[in-house]
Amino acid sequence: MIALAAALVPPVAMIAIASALRRQLRSAWASGIVRGVALSAGGLLVATSIRLLAPDRAFFDVPAWQLALAAVGTALTIHGRAHPGLVMGAGAIVGLIFGR
């Protein structure tokens, strides 16, 4: 629950702040703050996903198909070719198929 809150609070807070300060976001300092918070939220998501992949073992003990699935999902989402919800749904289906 703490990891979920840590992953969700920064982006949601930025949406509220951005809507309240829409005019000020055109300045360099405000866009720098937005970029910094976005990068920190991304880092939290990466750290959370690593912990979810390997909760009780070393990262390199994770099966190769899980690492490949995470890499493909990340690449598809970063390049904007697929909606993140579709990537997560497809990942869940592949995990159910290969996880048994």
PDB file of N, CA and C in Angstrom:
ATOM      1  N   MET A   1       0.812  -1.185   0.000  1.00  0.00           N
ATOM      2  CA  MET A   1       0.000   0.000   0.000  1.00  0.00           C
ATOM      3  C   MET A   1       0.865   1.262   0.000  1.00  0.00           C
ATOM      4  N   ILE A   2       1.990   1.209   0.709  1.00  0.00           N
ATOM      5  CA  ILE A   2       2.876   2.365   0.738  1.00  0.00           C
ATOM      6  C   ILE A   2       3.484   2.605  -0.639  1.00  0.00           C
ATOM      7  N   ALA A   3       3.887   1.527  -1.310  1.00  0.00           N
ATOM      8  CA  ALA A   3       4.467   1.672  -2.650  1.00  0.00           C
ATOM      9  C   ALA A   3       3.431   2.210  -3.625  1.00  0.00           C
ATOM     10  N   LEU A   4       2.205   1.742  -3.500  1.00  0.00           N
ATOM     11  CA  LEU A   4       1.144   2.238  -4.375  1.00  0.00           C
ATOM     12  C   LEU A   4       0.907   3.726  -4.136  1.00  0.00           C
ATOM     13  N   ALA A   5       0.852   4.120  -2.883  1.00  0.00           N
ATOM     14  CA  ALA A   5       0.658   5.538  -2.575  1.00  0.00           C
ATOM     15  C   ALA A   5       1.847   6.368  -3.068  1.00  0.00           C
ATOM     16  N   ALA A   6       3.065   5.840  -2.898  1.00  0.00           N
ATOM     17  CA  ALA A   6       4.255   6.566  -3.355  1.00  0.00           C
ATOM     18  C   ALA A   6       4.275   6.707  -4.869  1.00  0.00           C
ATOM     19  N   ALA A   7       3.707   5.744  -5.579  1.00  0.00           N
ATOM     20  CA  ALA A   7       3.683   5.816  -7.040  1.00  0.00           C
ATOM     21  C   ALA A   7       2.554   6.710  -7.551  1.00  0.00           C
ATOM     22  N   LEU A   8       1.480   6.822  -6.806  1.00  0.00           N
ATOM     23  CA  LEU A   8       0.320   7.558  -7.295  1.00  0.00           C
ATOM     24  C   LEU A   8       0.248   9.012  -6.835  1.00  0.00           C
ATOM     25  N   VAL A   9       0.735   9.304  -5.660  1.00  0.00           N
ATOM     26  CA  VAL A   9       0.567  10.651  -5.109  1.00  0.00           C
ATOM     27  C   VAL A   9       1.270  11.737  -5.935  1.00  0.00           C
ATOM     28  N   PRO A  10       2.549  11.573  -6.342  1.00  0.00           N
ATOM     29  CA  PRO A  10       3.181  12.667  -7.103  1.00  0.00           C
ATOM     30  C   PRO A  10       2.469  13.024  -8.405  1.00  0.00           C
ATOM     31  N   PRO A  11       2.112  12.063  -9.261  1.00  0.00           N
ATOM     32  CA  PRO A  11       1.429  12.471 -10.495  1.00  0.00           C
ATOM     33  C   PRO A  11       0.061  13.102 -10.251  1.00  0.00           C
ATOM     34  N   VAL A  12      -0.685  12.569  -9.302  1.00  0.00           N
ATOM     35  CA  VAL A  12      -2.008  13.126  -9.017  1.00  0.00           C
ATOM     36  C   VAL A  12      -1.869  14.532  -8.432  1.00  0.00           C
ATOM     37  N   ALA A  13      -0.890  14.711  -7.559  1.00  0.00           N
ATOM     38  CA  ALA A  13      -0.665  16.041  -6.990  1.00  0.00           C
ATOM     39  C   ALA A  13      -0.248  17.027  -8.079  1.00  0.00           C
ATOM     40  N   MET A  14       0.550  16.588  -9.028  1.00  0.00           N
ATOM     41  CA  MET A  14       0.976  17.474 -10.113  1.00  0.00           C
ATOM     42  C   MET A  14      -0.188  17.873 -11.003  1.00  0.00           C
ATOM     43  N   ILE A  15      -1.139  16.995 -11.201  1.00  0.00           N
ATOM     44  CA  ILE A  15      -2.317  17.345 -11.992  1.00  0.00           C
ATOM     45  C   ILE A  15      -3.085  18.468 -11.301  1.00  0.00           C
ATOM     46  N   ALA A  16      -3.279  18.340 -10.001  1.00  0.00           N
ATOM     47  CA  ALA A  16      -3.991  19.376  -9.252  1.00  0.00           C
ATOM     48  C   ALA A  16      -3.221  20.694  -9.263  1.00  0.00           C
ATOM     49  N   ILE A  17      -1.913  20.623  -9.060  1.00  0.00           N
ATOM     50  CA  ILE A  17      -1.102  21.843  -9.056  1.00  0.00           C
ATOM     51  C   ILE A  17      -1.077  22.480 -10.444  1.00  0.00           C
ATOM     52  N   ALA A  18      -0.943  21.666 -11.479  1.00  0.00           N
ATOM     53  CA  ALA A  18      -0.879  22.194 -12.849  1.00  0.00           C
ATOM     54  C   ALA A  18      -2.179  22.883 -13.239  1.00  0.00           C
ATOM     55  N   SER A  19      -3.296  22.310 -12.841  1.00  0.00           N
ATOM     56  CA  SER A  19      -4.565  22.948 -13.192  1.00  0.00           C
ATOM     57  C   SER A  19      -4.756  24.264 -12.429  1.00  0.00           C
ATOM     58  N   ALA A  20      -4.255  24.330 -11.207  1.00  0.00           N
ATOM     59  CA  ALA A  20      -4.388  25.560 -10.430  1.00  0.00           C
ATOM     60  C   ALA A  20      -3.427  26.650 -10.898  1.00  0.00           C
ATOM     61  N   LEU A  21      -2.273  26.263 -11.386  1.00  0.00           N
ATOM     62  CA  LEU A  21      -1.240  27.233 -11.774  1.00  0.00           C
ATOM     63  C   LEU A  21      -0.966  27.208 -13.278  1.00  0.00           C
ATOM     64  N   ARG A  22      -1.991  27.069 -14.063  1.00  0.00           N
ATOM     65  CA  ARG A  22      -1.828  26.903 -15.511  1.00  0.00           C
ATOM     66  C   ARG A  22      -1.019  28.032 -16.154  1.00  0.00           C
ATOM     67  N   ARG A  23      -1.275  29.272 -15.794  1.00  0.00           N
ATOM     68  CA  ARG A  23      -0.551  30.392 -16.405  1.00  0.00           C
ATOM     69  C   ARG A  23       0.922  30.419 -16.014  1.00  0.00           C
ATOM     70  N   GLN A  24       1.206  30.082 -14.767  1.00  0.00           N
ATOM     71  CA  GLN A  24       2.579  30.139 -14.296  1.00  0.00           C
ATOM     72  C   GLN A  24       3.442  29.002 -14.856  1.00  0.00           C
ATOM     73  N   LEU A  25       2.829  27.954 -15.382  1.00  0.00           N
ATOM     74  CA  LEU A  25       3.603  26.818 -15.879  1.00  0.00           C
ATOM     75  C   LEU A  25       4.366  27.138 -17.160  1.00  0.00           C
ATOM     76  N   ARG A  26       4.133  28.285 -17.741  1.00  0.00           N
ATOM     77  CA  ARG A  26       4.873  28.667 -18.941  1.00  0.00           C
ATOM     78  C   ARG A  26       6.267  29.183 -18.614  1.00  0.00           C
ATOM     79  N   SER A  27       6.539  29.442 -17.356  1.00  0.00           N
ATOM     80  CA  SER A  27       7.857  29.938 -16.980  1.00  0.00           C
ATOM     81  C   SER A  27       8.848  28.778 -16.867  1.00  0.00           C
ATOM     82  N   ALA A  28      10.129  29.115 -16.937  1.00  0.00           N
ATOM     83  CA  ALA A  28      11.180  28.094 -16.924  1.00  0.00           C
ATOM     84  C   ALA A  28      11.254  27.367 -15.579  1.00  0.00           C
ATOM     85  N   TRP A  29      11.104  28.102 -14.473  1.00  0.00           N
ATOM     86  CA  TRP A  29      11.232  27.451 -13.168  1.00  0.00           C
ATOM     87  C   TRP A  29      10.092  26.470 -12.922  1.00  0.00           C
ATOM     88  N   ALA A  30       8.888  26.808 -13.352  1.00  0.00           N
ATOM     89  CA  ALA A  30       7.750  25.910 -13.137  1.00  0.00           C
ATOM     90  C   ALA A  30       7.867  24.666 -14.016  1.00  0.00           C
ATOM     91  N   SER A  31       8.308  24.834 -15.248  1.00  0.00           N
ATOM     92  CA  SER A  31       8.461  23.657 -16.103  1.00  0.00           C
ATOM     93  C   SER A  31       9.582  22.762 -15.584  1.00  0.00           C
ATOM     94  N   GLY A  32      10.607  23.341 -14.960  1.00  0.00           N
ATOM     95  CA  GLY A  32      11.654  22.539 -14.337  1.00  0.00           C
ATOM     96  C   GLY A  32      11.137  21.734 -13.165  1.00  0.00           C
ATOM     97  N   ILE A  33      10.274  22.329 -12.379  1.00  0.00           N
ATOM     98  CA  ILE A  33       9.676  21.603 -11.258  1.00  0.00           C
ATOM     99  C   ILE A  33       8.821  20.441 -11.767  1.00  0.00           C
ATOM    100  N   VAL A  34       8.037  20.703 -12.784  1.00  0.00           N
ATOM    101  CA  VAL A  34       7.187  19.651 -13.350  1.00  0.00           C
ATOM    102  C   VAL A  34       8.055  18.513 -13.879  1.00  0.00           C
ATOM    103  N   ARG A  35       9.128  18.844 -14.591  1.00  0.00           N
ATOM    104  CA  ARG A  35      10.025  17.816 -15.115  1.00  0.00           C
ATOM    105  C   ARG A  35      10.661  17.008 -13.990  1.00  0.00           C
ATOM    106  N   GLY A  36      11.082  17.683 -12.931  1.00  0.00           N
ATOM    107  CA  GLY A  36      11.702  16.995 -11.807  1.00  0.00           C
ATOM    108  C   GLY A  36      10.751  16.043 -11.105  1.00  0.00           C
ATOM    109  N   VAL A  37       9.524  16.485 -10.904  1.00  0.00           N
ATOM    110  CA  VAL A  37       8.541  15.617 -10.246  1.00  0.00           C
ATOM    111  C   VAL A  37       8.188  14.439 -11.149  1.00  0.00           C
ATOM    112  N   ALA A  38       8.082  14.669 -12.455  1.00  0.00           N
ATOM    113  CA  ALA A  38       7.789  13.571 -13.375  1.00  0.00           C
ATOM    114  C   ALA A  38       8.907  12.535 -13.362  1.00  0.00           C
ATOM    115  N   LEU A  39      10.154  12.999 -13.330  1.00  0.00           N
ATOM    116  CA  LEU A  39      11.277  12.058 -13.272  1.00  0.00           C
ATOM    117  C   LEU A  39      11.302  11.286 -11.958  1.00  0.00           C
ATOM    118  N   SER A  40      10.999  11.964 -10.859  1.00  0.00           N
ATOM    119  CA  SER A  40      10.986  11.260  -9.572  1.00  0.00           C
ATOM    120  C   SER A  40       9.853  10.248  -9.519  1.00  0.00           C
ATOM    121  N   ALA A  41       8.705  10.576 -10.078  1.00  0.00           N
ATOM    122  CA  ALA A  41       7.595   9.611 -10.122  1.00  0.00           C
ATOM    123  C   ALA A  41       7.974   8.421 -10.997  1.00  0.00           C
ATOM    124  N   GLY A  42       8.657   8.675 -12.093  1.00  0.00           N
ATOM    125  CA  GLY A  42       9.118   7.573 -12.942  1.00  0.00           C
ATOM    126  C   GLY A  42      10.104   6.682 -12.206  1.00  0.00           C
ATOM    127  N   GLY A  43      11.013   7.277 -11.456  1.00  0.00           N
ATOM    128  CA  GLY A  43      11.950   6.488 -10.663  1.00  0.00           C
ATOM    129  C   GLY A  43      11.259   5.644  -9.610  1.00  0.00           C
ATOM    130  N   LEU A  44      10.246   6.212  -8.981  1.00  0.00           N
ATOM    131  CA  LEU A  44       9.480   5.437  -7.996  1.00  0.00           C
ATOM    132  C   LEU A  44       8.762   4.258  -8.654  1.00  0.00           C
ATOM    133  N   LEU A  45       8.245   4.474  -9.850  1.00  0.00           N
ATOM    134  CA  LEU A  45       7.580   3.381 -10.555  1.00  0.00           C
ATOM    135  C   LEU A  45       8.561   2.274 -10.925  1.00  0.00           C
ATOM    136  N   VAL A  46       9.758   2.638 -11.352  1.00  0.00           N
ATOM    137  CA  VAL A  46      10.773   1.631 -11.688  1.00  0.00           C
ATOM    138  C   VAL A  46      11.171   0.849 -10.433  1.00  0.00           C
ATOM    139  N   ALA A  47      11.404   1.543  -9.340  1.00  0.00           N
ATOM    140  CA  ALA A  47      11.772   0.863  -8.097  1.00  0.00           C
ATOM    141  C   ALA A  47      10.657  -0.060  -7.616  1.00  0.00           C
ATOM    142  N   THR A  48       9.422   0.386  -7.750  1.00  0.00           N
ATOM    143  CA  THR A  48       8.289  -0.442  -7.347  1.00  0.00           C
ATOM    144  C   THR A  48       8.170  -1.673  -8.226  1.00  0.00           C
ATOM    145  N   SER A  49       8.366  -1.502  -9.531  1.00  0.00           N
ATOM    146  CA  SER A  49       8.253  -2.657 -10.426  1.00  0.00           C
ATOM    147  C   SER A  49       9.358  -3.671 -10.165  1.00  0.00           C
ATOM    148  N   ILE A  50      10.554  -3.209  -9.831  1.00  0.00           N
ATOM    149  CA  ILE A  50      11.631  -4.152  -9.506  1.00  0.00           C
ATOM    150  C   ILE A  50      11.276  -4.940  -8.251  1.00  0.00           C
ATOM    151  N   ARG A  51      10.717  -4.269  -7.260  1.00  0.00           N
ATOM    152  CA  ARG A  51      10.309  -4.968  -6.034  1.00  0.00           C
ATOM    153  C   ARG A  51       9.162  -5.940  -6.312  1.00  0.00           C
ATOM    154  N   LEU A  52       8.279  -5.608  -7.235  1.00  0.00           N
ATOM    155  CA  LEU A  52       7.180  -6.513  -7.570  1.00  0.00           C
ATOM    156  C   LEU A  52       7.685  -7.721  -8.353  1.00  0.00           C
ATOM    157  N   LEU A  53       8.699  -7.528  -9.190  1.00  0.00           N
ATOM    158  CA  LEU A  53       9.261  -8.645  -9.942  1.00  0.00           C
ATOM    159  C   LEU A  53      10.034  -9.604  -9.035  1.00  0.00           C
ATOM    160  N   ALA A  54      10.737  -9.084  -8.066  1.00  0.00           N
ATOM    161  CA  ALA A  54      11.590  -9.906  -7.205  1.00  0.00           C
ATOM    162  C   ALA A  54      11.371  -9.550  -5.747  1.00  0.00           C
ATOM    163  N   PRO A  55      10.194  -9.893  -5.176  1.00  0.00           N
ATOM    164  CA  PRO A  55       9.929  -9.487  -3.788  1.00  0.00           C
ATOM    165  C   PRO A  55      10.771 -10.215  -2.748  1.00  0.00           C
ATOM    166  N   ASP A  56      11.135 -11.470  -3.018  1.00  0.00           N
ATOM    167  CA  ASP A  56      11.836 -12.243  -1.999  1.00  0.00           C
ATOM    168  C   ASP A  56      13.110 -12.888  -2.533  1.00  0.00           C
ATOM    169  N   ARG A  57      13.607 -12.392  -3.649  1.00  0.00           N
ATOM    170  CA  ARG A  57      14.824 -12.956  -4.224  1.00  0.00           C
ATOM    171  C   ARG A  57      15.611 -11.838  -4.918  1.00  0.00           C
ATOM    172  N   ALA A  58      16.807 -12.181  -5.346  1.00  0.00           N
ATOM    173  CA  ALA A  58      17.640 -11.202  -6.045  1.00  0.00           C
ATOM    174  C   ALA A  58      17.035 -10.887  -7.407  1.00  0.00           C
ATOM    175  N   PHE A  59      17.309  -9.706  -7.902  1.00  0.00           N
ATOM    176  CA  PHE A  59      16.751  -9.273  -9.186  1.00  0.00           C
ATOM    177  C   PHE A  59      17.165 -10.210 -10.320  1.00  0.00           C
ATOM    178  N   PHE A  60      18.375 -10.725 -10.285  1.00  0.00           N
ATOM    179  CA  PHE A  60      18.861 -11.572 -11.370  1.00  0.00           C
ATOM    180  C   PHE A  60      18.316 -12.996 -11.293  1.00  0.00           C
ATOM    181  N   ASP A  61      17.580 -13.339 -10.237  1.00  0.00           N
ATOM    182  CA  ASP A  61      16.926 -14.639 -10.142  1.00  0.00           C
ATOM    183  C   ASP A  61      15.533 -14.626 -10.755  1.00  0.00           C
ATOM    184  N   VAL A  62      15.102 -13.492 -11.257  1.00  0.00           N
ATOM    185  CA  VAL A  62      13.792 -13.372 -11.892  1.00  0.00           C
ATOM    186  C   VAL A  62      13.841 -14.104 -13.231  1.00  0.00           C
ATOM    187  N   PRO A  63      12.788 -14.874 -13.563  1.00  0.00           N
ATOM    188  CA  PRO A  63      12.784 -15.571 -14.858  1.00  0.00           C
ATOM    189  C   PRO A  63      12.930 -14.601 -16.030  1.00  0.00           C
ATOM    190  N   ALA A  64      13.594 -15.068 -17.076  1.00  0.00           N
ATOM    191  CA  ALA A  64      13.898 -14.219 -18.231  1.00  0.00           C
ATOM    192  C   ALA A  64      12.633 -13.714 -18.909  1.00  0.00           C
ATOM    193  N   TRP A  65      11.563 -14.512 -18.931  1.00  0.00           N
ATOM    194  CA  TRP A  65      10.345 -14.077 -19.614  1.00  0.00           C
ATOM    195  C   TRP A  65       9.724 -12.877 -18.895  1.00  0.00           C
ATOM    196  N   GLN A  66       9.877 -12.809 -17.576  1.00  0.00           N
ATOM    197  CA  GLN A  66       9.340 -11.663 -16.842  1.00  0.00           C
ATOM    198  C   GLN A  66      10.132 -10.396 -17.142  1.00  0.00           C
ATOM    199  N   LEU A  67      11.444 -10.523 -17.214  1.00  0.00           N
ATOM    200  CA  LEU A  67      12.272  -9.369 -17.551  1.00  0.00           C
ATOM    201  C   LEU A  67      11.997  -8.903 -18.980  1.00  0.00           C
ATOM    202  N   ALA A  68      11.839  -9.850 -19.900  1.00  0.00           N
ATOM    203  CA  ALA A  68      11.542  -9.499 -21.288  1.00  0.00           C
ATOM    204  C   ALA A  68      10.177  -8.823 -21.393  1.00  0.00           C
ATOM    205  N   LEU A  69       9.216  -9.331 -20.664  1.00  0.00           N
ATOM    206  CA  LEU A  69       7.876  -8.741 -20.673  1.00  0.00           C
ATOM    207  C   LEU A  69       7.912  -7.313 -20.122  1.00  0.00           C
ATOM    208  N   ALA A  70       8.654  -7.095 -19.058  1.00  0.00           N
ATOM    209  CA  ALA A  70       8.786  -5.752 -18.492  1.00  0.00           C
ATOM    210  C   ALA A  70       9.480  -4.811 -19.473  1.00  0.00           C
ATOM    211  N   ALA A  71      10.509  -5.288 -20.163  1.00  0.00           N
ATOM    212  CA  ALA A  71      11.232  -4.457 -21.125  1.00  0.00           C
ATOM    213  C   ALA A  71      10.347  -4.097 -22.319  1.00  0.00           C
ATOM    214  N   VAL A  72       9.598  -5.057 -22.826  1.00  0.00           N
ATOM    215  CA  VAL A  72       8.713  -4.794 -23.971  1.00  0.00           C
ATOM    216  C   VAL A  72       7.617  -3.815 -23.566  1.00  0.00           C
ATOM    217  N   GLY A  73       7.023  -4.028 -22.415  1.00  0.00           N
ATOM    218  CA  GLY A  73       5.980  -3.118 -21.942  1.00  0.00           C
ATOM    219  C   GLY A  73       6.497  -1.707 -21.742  1.00  0.00           C
ATOM    220  N   THR A  74       7.698  -1.581 -21.195  1.00  0.00           N
ATOM    221  CA  THR A  74       8.297  -0.265 -21.003  1.00  0.00           C
ATOM    222  C   THR A  74       8.564   0.418 -22.342  1.00  0.00           C
ATOM    223  N   ALA A  75       9.114  -0.330 -23.289  1.00  0.00           N
ATOM    224  CA  ALA A  75       9.421   0.249 -24.606  1.00  0.00           C
ATOM    225  C   ALA A  75       8.149   0.696 -25.324  1.00  0.00           C
ATOM    226  N   LEU A  76       7.111  -0.113 -25.264  1.00  0.00           N
ATOM    227  CA  LEU A  76       5.857   0.258 -25.925  1.00  0.00           C
ATOM    228  C   LEU A  76       5.243   1.506 -25.304  1.00  0.00           C
ATOM    229  N   THR A  77       5.327   1.615 -24.007  1.00  0.00           N
ATOM    230  CA  THR A  77       4.728   2.752 -23.323  1.00  0.00           C
ATOM    231  C   THR A  77       5.549   4.023 -23.527  1.00  0.00           C
ATOM    232  N   ILE A  78       6.871   3.911 -23.457  1.00  0.00           N
ATOM    233  CA  ILE A  78       7.722   5.094 -23.613  1.00  0.00           C
ATOM    234  C   ILE A  78       7.590   5.684 -25.007  1.00  0.00           C
ATOM    235  N   HIS A  79       7.562   4.847 -26.017  1.00  0.00           N
ATOM    236  CA  HIS A  79       7.482   5.344 -27.385  1.00  0.00           C
ATOM    237  C   HIS A  79       6.071   5.777 -27.762  1.00  0.00           C
ATOM    238  N   GLY A  80       5.105   5.567 -26.879  1.00  0.00           N
ATOM    239  CA  GLY A  80       3.749   6.044 -27.111  1.00  0.00           C
ATOM    240  C   GLY A  80       2.973   5.263 -28.150  1.00  0.00           C
ATOM    241  N   ARG A  81       3.398   4.062 -28.446  1.00  0.00           N
ATOM    242  CA  ARG A  81       2.720   3.275 -29.474  1.00  0.00           C
ATOM    243  C   ARG A  81       1.520   2.506 -28.928  1.00  0.00           C
ATOM    244  N   ALA A  82       1.460   2.356 -27.621  1.00  0.00           N
ATOM    245  CA  ALA A  82       0.354   1.619 -27.021  1.00  0.00           C
ATOM    246  C   ALA A  82      -0.074   2.331 -25.744  1.00  0.00           C
ATOM    247  N   HIS A  83      -1.348   2.262 -25.464  1.00  0.00           N
ATOM    248  CA  HIS A  83      -1.869   2.848 -24.234  1.00  0.00           C
ATOM    249  C   HIS A  83      -1.361   2.026 -23.051  1.00  0.00           C
ATOM    250  N   PRO A  84      -0.931   2.676 -21.967  1.00  0.00           N
ATOM    251  CA  PRO A  84      -0.412   1.931 -20.810  1.00  0.00           C
ATOM    252  C   PRO A  84      -1.406   0.922 -20.243  1.00  0.00           C
ATOM    253  N   GLY A  85      -2.697   1.234 -20.303  1.00  0.00           N
ATOM    254  CA  GLY A  85      -3.701   0.278 -19.815  1.00  0.00           C
ATOM    255  C   GLY A  85      -3.718  -0.998 -20.625  1.00  0.00           C
ATOM    256  N   LEU A  86      -3.565  -0.873 -21.939  1.00  0.00           N
ATOM    257  CA  LEU A  86      -3.510  -2.064 -22.787  1.00  0.00           C
ATOM    258  C   LEU A  86      -2.243  -2.868 -22.529  1.00  0.00           C
ATOM    259  N   VAL A  87      -1.152  -2.184 -22.308  1.00  0.00           N
ATOM    260  CA  VAL A  87       0.112  -2.866 -22.010  1.00  0.00           C
ATOM    261  C   VAL A  87      -0.008  -3.637 -20.696  1.00  0.00           C
ATOM    262  N   MET A  88      -0.617  -3.017 -19.682  1.00  0.00           N
ATOM    263  CA  MET A  88      -0.784  -3.703 -18.400  1.00  0.00           C
ATOM    264  C   MET A  88      -1.725  -4.901 -18.532  1.00  0.00           C
ATOM    265  N   GLY A  89      -2.806  -4.741 -19.291  1.00  0.00           N
ATOM    266  CA  GLY A  89      -3.725  -5.858 -19.501  1.00  0.00           C
ATOM    267  C   GLY A  89      -3.065  -7.009 -20.229  1.00  0.00           C
ATOM    268  N   ALA A  90      -2.314  -6.696 -21.289  1.00  0.00           N
ATOM    269  CA  ALA A  90      -1.610  -7.744 -22.024  1.00  0.00           C
ATOM    270  C   ALA A  90      -0.564  -8.409 -21.140  1.00  0.00           C
ATOM    271  N   GLY A  91       0.128  -7.620 -20.316  1.00  0.00           N
ATOM    272  CA  GLY A  91       1.106  -8.188 -19.395  1.00  0.00           C
ATOM    273  C   GLY A  91       0.480  -9.112 -18.384  1.00  0.00           C
ATOM    274  N   ALA A  92      -0.713  -8.751 -17.912  1.00  0.00           N
ATOM    275  CA  ALA A  92      -1.415  -9.625 -16.951  1.00  0.00           C
ATOM    276  C   ALA A  92      -1.811 -10.937 -17.609  1.00  0.00           C
ATOM    277  N   ILE A  93      -2.273 -10.880 -18.847  1.00  0.00           N
ATOM    278  CA  ILE A  93      -2.659 -12.114 -19.551  1.00  0.00           C
ATOM    279  C   ILE A  93      -1.443 -12.997 -19.790  1.00  0.00           C
ATOM    280  N   VAL A  94      -0.339 -12.404 -20.250  1.00  0.00           N
ATOM    281  CA  VAL A  94       0.892 -13.186 -20.472  1.00  0.00           C
ATOM    282  C   VAL A  94       1.383 -13.757 -19.151  1.00  0.00           C
ATOM    283  N   GLY A  95       1.303 -12.998 -18.075  1.00  0.00           N
ATOM    284  CA  GLY A  95       1.716 -13.498 -16.763  1.00  0.00           C
ATOM    285  C   GLY A  95       0.872 -14.670 -16.306  1.00  0.00           C
ATOM    286  N   LEU A  96      -0.416 -14.632 -16.570  1.00  0.00           N
ATOM    287  CA  LEU A  96      -1.275 -15.761 -16.213  1.00  0.00           C
ATOM    288  C   LEU A  96      -0.945 -17.001 -17.036  1.00  0.00           C
ATOM    289  N   ILE A  97      -0.619 -16.792 -18.303  1.00  0.00           N
ATOM    290  CA  ILE A  97      -0.303 -17.935 -19.175  1.00  0.00           C
ATOM    291  C   ILE A  97       1.028 -18.564 -18.791  1.00  0.00           C
ATOM    292  N   PHE A  98       2.084 -17.752 -18.668  1.00  0.00           N
ATOM    293  CA  PHE A  98       3.412 -18.282 -18.410  1.00  0.00           C
ATOM    294  C   PHE A  98       3.693 -18.534 -16.924  1.00  0.00           C
ATOM    295  N   GLY A  99       2.916 -17.939 -16.050  1.00  0.00           N
ATOM    296  CA  GLY A  99       3.165 -18.063 -14.619  1.00  0.00           C
ATOM    297  C   GLY A  99       2.737 -19.377 -14.013  1.00  0.00           C
ATOM    298  N   ARG A 100       2.060 -20.183 -14.764  1.00  0.00           N
ATOM    299  CA  ARG A 100       1.566 -21.460 -14.206  1.00  0.00           C
ATOM    300  C   ARG A 100       2.471 -22.596 -14.515  1.00  0.00           C
TER     301      ARG A 100
END
